Protein backbone atom coordinates (compact mmCIF):
# COMPACT_ATOMS: atom_id res chain seq x y z
CA MET A 1 0.00 0.00 0.00
CA LYS A 2 1.36 3.37 -0.99
CA GLY A 3 0.51 6.30 1.19
CA TYR A 4 1.95 8.81 3.59
CA GLU A 5 4.80 7.89 5.92
CA ILE A 6 4.91 10.34 8.82
CA LEU A 7 8.12 10.42 10.83
CA GLU A 8 10.36 12.62 12.92
CA GLN A 9 13.24 14.33 11.18
CA LYS A 10 15.71 13.05 13.76
CA TYR A 11 15.21 9.48 12.47
CA LEU A 12 16.56 10.24 8.99
CA ASN A 13 19.99 8.88 8.11
CA ILE A 14 21.11 12.49 7.68
CA TYR A 15 21.04 12.69 11.50
CA LYS A 16 21.45 9.04 12.55
CA LYS A 17 23.98 6.73 10.96
CA ASP A 18 21.50 3.83 10.87
CA GLY A 19 18.47 6.04 10.20
CA ILE A 20 15.81 6.01 7.49
CA ALA A 21 16.83 7.18 4.02
CA PRO A 22 15.02 10.35 2.95
CA TYR A 23 13.09 10.24 -0.31
CA GLU A 24 14.77 11.80 -3.31
CA LYS A 25 12.81 15.02 -3.90
CA LYS A 26 12.67 17.46 -0.99
CA ILE A 27 9.71 19.84 -1.15
CA GLY A 28 8.11 22.23 1.30
CA PHE A 29 4.66 21.36 2.62
CA LEU A 30 2.93 24.39 1.08
CA ASP A 31 4.66 23.77 -2.27
CA PHE A 32 3.48 20.15 -2.17
CA LEU A 33 -0.10 21.32 -1.55
CA ARG A 34 0.20 23.77 -4.47
CA GLU A 35 1.39 20.94 -6.74
CA LEU A 36 -1.58 18.82 -5.71
CA ASN A 37 -4.04 21.69 -6.21
CA ALA A 38 -2.62 22.33 -9.69
CA GLY A 39 -3.22 18.70 -10.66
CA SER A 40 -0.91 15.74 -10.74
CA GLU A 41 0.49 16.50 -14.21
CA GLY A 42 3.57 18.06 -12.60
CA LEU A 43 4.28 14.96 -10.53
CA SER A 44 6.41 12.37 -12.28
CA ARG A 45 5.34 8.75 -12.18
CA CYS A 46 7.08 6.65 -9.49
CA SER A 47 8.64 9.71 -7.85
CA SER A 48 9.26 9.97 -4.14
CA PHE A 49 8.90 13.13 -2.08
CA MET A 50 10.26 14.15 1.29
CA VAL A 51 7.76 16.81 2.37
CA VAL A 52 9.01 19.16 5.08
CA GLY A 53 7.48 22.01 7.06
CA ILE A 54 4.11 20.70 8.22
CA ASP A 55 4.99 21.73 11.78
CA ASP A 56 5.78 25.30 10.73
CA VAL A 57 2.56 25.62 8.71
CA LEU A 58 0.43 24.61 11.69
CA TYR A 59 2.56 26.46 14.26
CA LEU A 60 2.36 29.74 12.34
CA THR A 61 -1.42 29.44 12.08
CA LYS A 62 -3.39 31.10 14.89
CA ARG A 63 -4.24 28.55 17.55
CA GLU A 64 -8.01 28.94 17.10
CA GLN A 65 -7.70 28.37 13.34
CA ARG A 66 -5.47 25.27 13.39
CA ARG A 67 -8.30 22.76 13.28
CA ALA A 68 -9.95 24.47 10.29
CA ILE A 69 -6.63 24.72 8.42
CA ALA A 70 -5.84 21.07 9.18
CA LEU A 71 -9.25 20.02 7.82
CA ASP A 72 -8.66 22.09 4.66
CA ILE A 73 -5.29 20.38 4.20
CA HIS A 74 -7.01 17.02 4.68
CA LYS A 75 -9.41 17.84 1.82
CA VAL A 76 -6.57 18.80 -0.55
CA LEU A 77 -4.62 15.63 0.22
CA GLN A 78 -7.70 13.44 -0.03
CA SER A 79 -8.73 14.92 -3.39
CA ALA A 80 -5.32 13.99 -4.83
CA ALA A 81 -5.40 10.42 -3.49
CA THR A 82 -6.39 8.66 -6.72
CA ASP A 83 -3.73 10.45 -8.78
CA LEU A 84 -0.99 9.78 -6.23
CA GLU A 85 -1.96 6.11 -6.10
CA LYS A 86 -2.12 5.75 -9.90
CA LYS A 87 1.28 7.37 -10.36
CA LYS A 88 2.82 5.18 -7.63
CA ILE A 89 4.14 8.20 -5.76
CA GLU A 90 5.87 7.80 -2.39
CA VAL A 91 5.55 10.54 0.23
CA GLN A 92 7.34 11.03 3.53
CA ILE A 93 5.93 13.72 5.80
CA ILE A 94 8.86 14.88 7.92
CA CYS A 95 8.16 16.48 11.30
CA LYS A 96 10.72 18.57 13.17
CA GLY A 97 8.78 18.13 16.39
CA ARG A 98 8.07 15.00 18.41
CA LEU A 99 5.23 12.78 17.22
CA VAL A 100 2.98 11.66 20.07
CA LYS A 101 0.33 8.98 19.72
CA GLY A 102 -2.36 8.89 22.34
CA ASP A 103 -6.06 8.88 21.56
CA SER A 104 -4.97 10.88 18.52
CA LEU A 105 -1.71 11.75 16.78
CA TRP A 106 -0.15 15.17 17.27
CA VAL A 107 3.20 16.89 16.97
CA GLU A 108 4.81 18.63 19.92
CA TYR A 109 6.66 21.55 18.37
CA ARG A 110 7.98 24.68 20.06
CA GLY A 111 5.87 24.03 23.12
CA GLU A 112 2.66 23.61 21.12
CA LYS A 113 0.50 20.54 20.51
CA LEU A 114 -0.24 20.56 16.75
CA PRO A 115 -3.27 18.63 15.46
CA ILE A 116 -2.03 16.49 12.60
CA ASP A 117 -4.73 13.93 13.39
CA PHE A 118 -7.23 16.26 11.68
CA ILE A 119 -5.12 15.88 8.53
CA PHE A 120 -4.12 12.22 8.61
CA GLY A 121 -6.74 10.60 10.83
CA THR A 122 -5.40 7.64 12.77
CA PRO A 123 -2.25 6.36 11.08
CA ARG A 124 -0.85 2.94 11.97
CA LYS A 125 2.41 2.84 13.85
CA GLN A 126 5.11 0.75 12.22
CA GLU A 127 8.84 0.46 12.67
CA ILE A 128 11.33 1.02 9.90
CA ARG A 129 14.92 0.21 10.84
CA GLY A 130 13.75 0.26 14.47
CA PHE A 131 12.30 3.79 14.29
CA PRO A 132 8.59 4.67 14.65
CA VAL A 133 6.85 5.64 11.42
CA TYR A 134 3.13 6.34 11.12
CA THR A 135 1.50 5.25 7.88
CA VAL A 136 -1.84 6.01 6.28
CA SER A 137 -3.17 5.45 2.77
CA PHE A 138 -3.46 8.37 0.36
CA ASN A 139 -7.24 8.41 0.78
CA LEU A 140 -6.52 9.07 4.47
CA SER A 141 -8.51 6.19 5.87
CA SER A 142 -6.66 4.25 8.53
């Protein structure tokens, strides 16, 4: 199953000798959303993206608007699901903050609890090379 792999930046092999290899194309979160909104024509078949900056996008949003923004992001990602699946795209969502799984999944970043569960729902926790990675299909159903 292709889908989103959500993980902490510190687990990449850039920072840990035995860490997870980052995907080949690094792109900012807002740029990734723009690409998806423009249609999948700009996304090459079988490409793999390391998407960075989700923490900053949510952190820089006013606290009372974070849920609404997260739900809007969810809609954009979900609307692109079929195209991403067809093109066999791989996507890592890289978080600078600490991922915490309780009743929901959130990112602790700069002293804030950021609601990525409103974007990704309830991803499954897996281990890759011994590091926690949360996965969810492109249609964002767990």
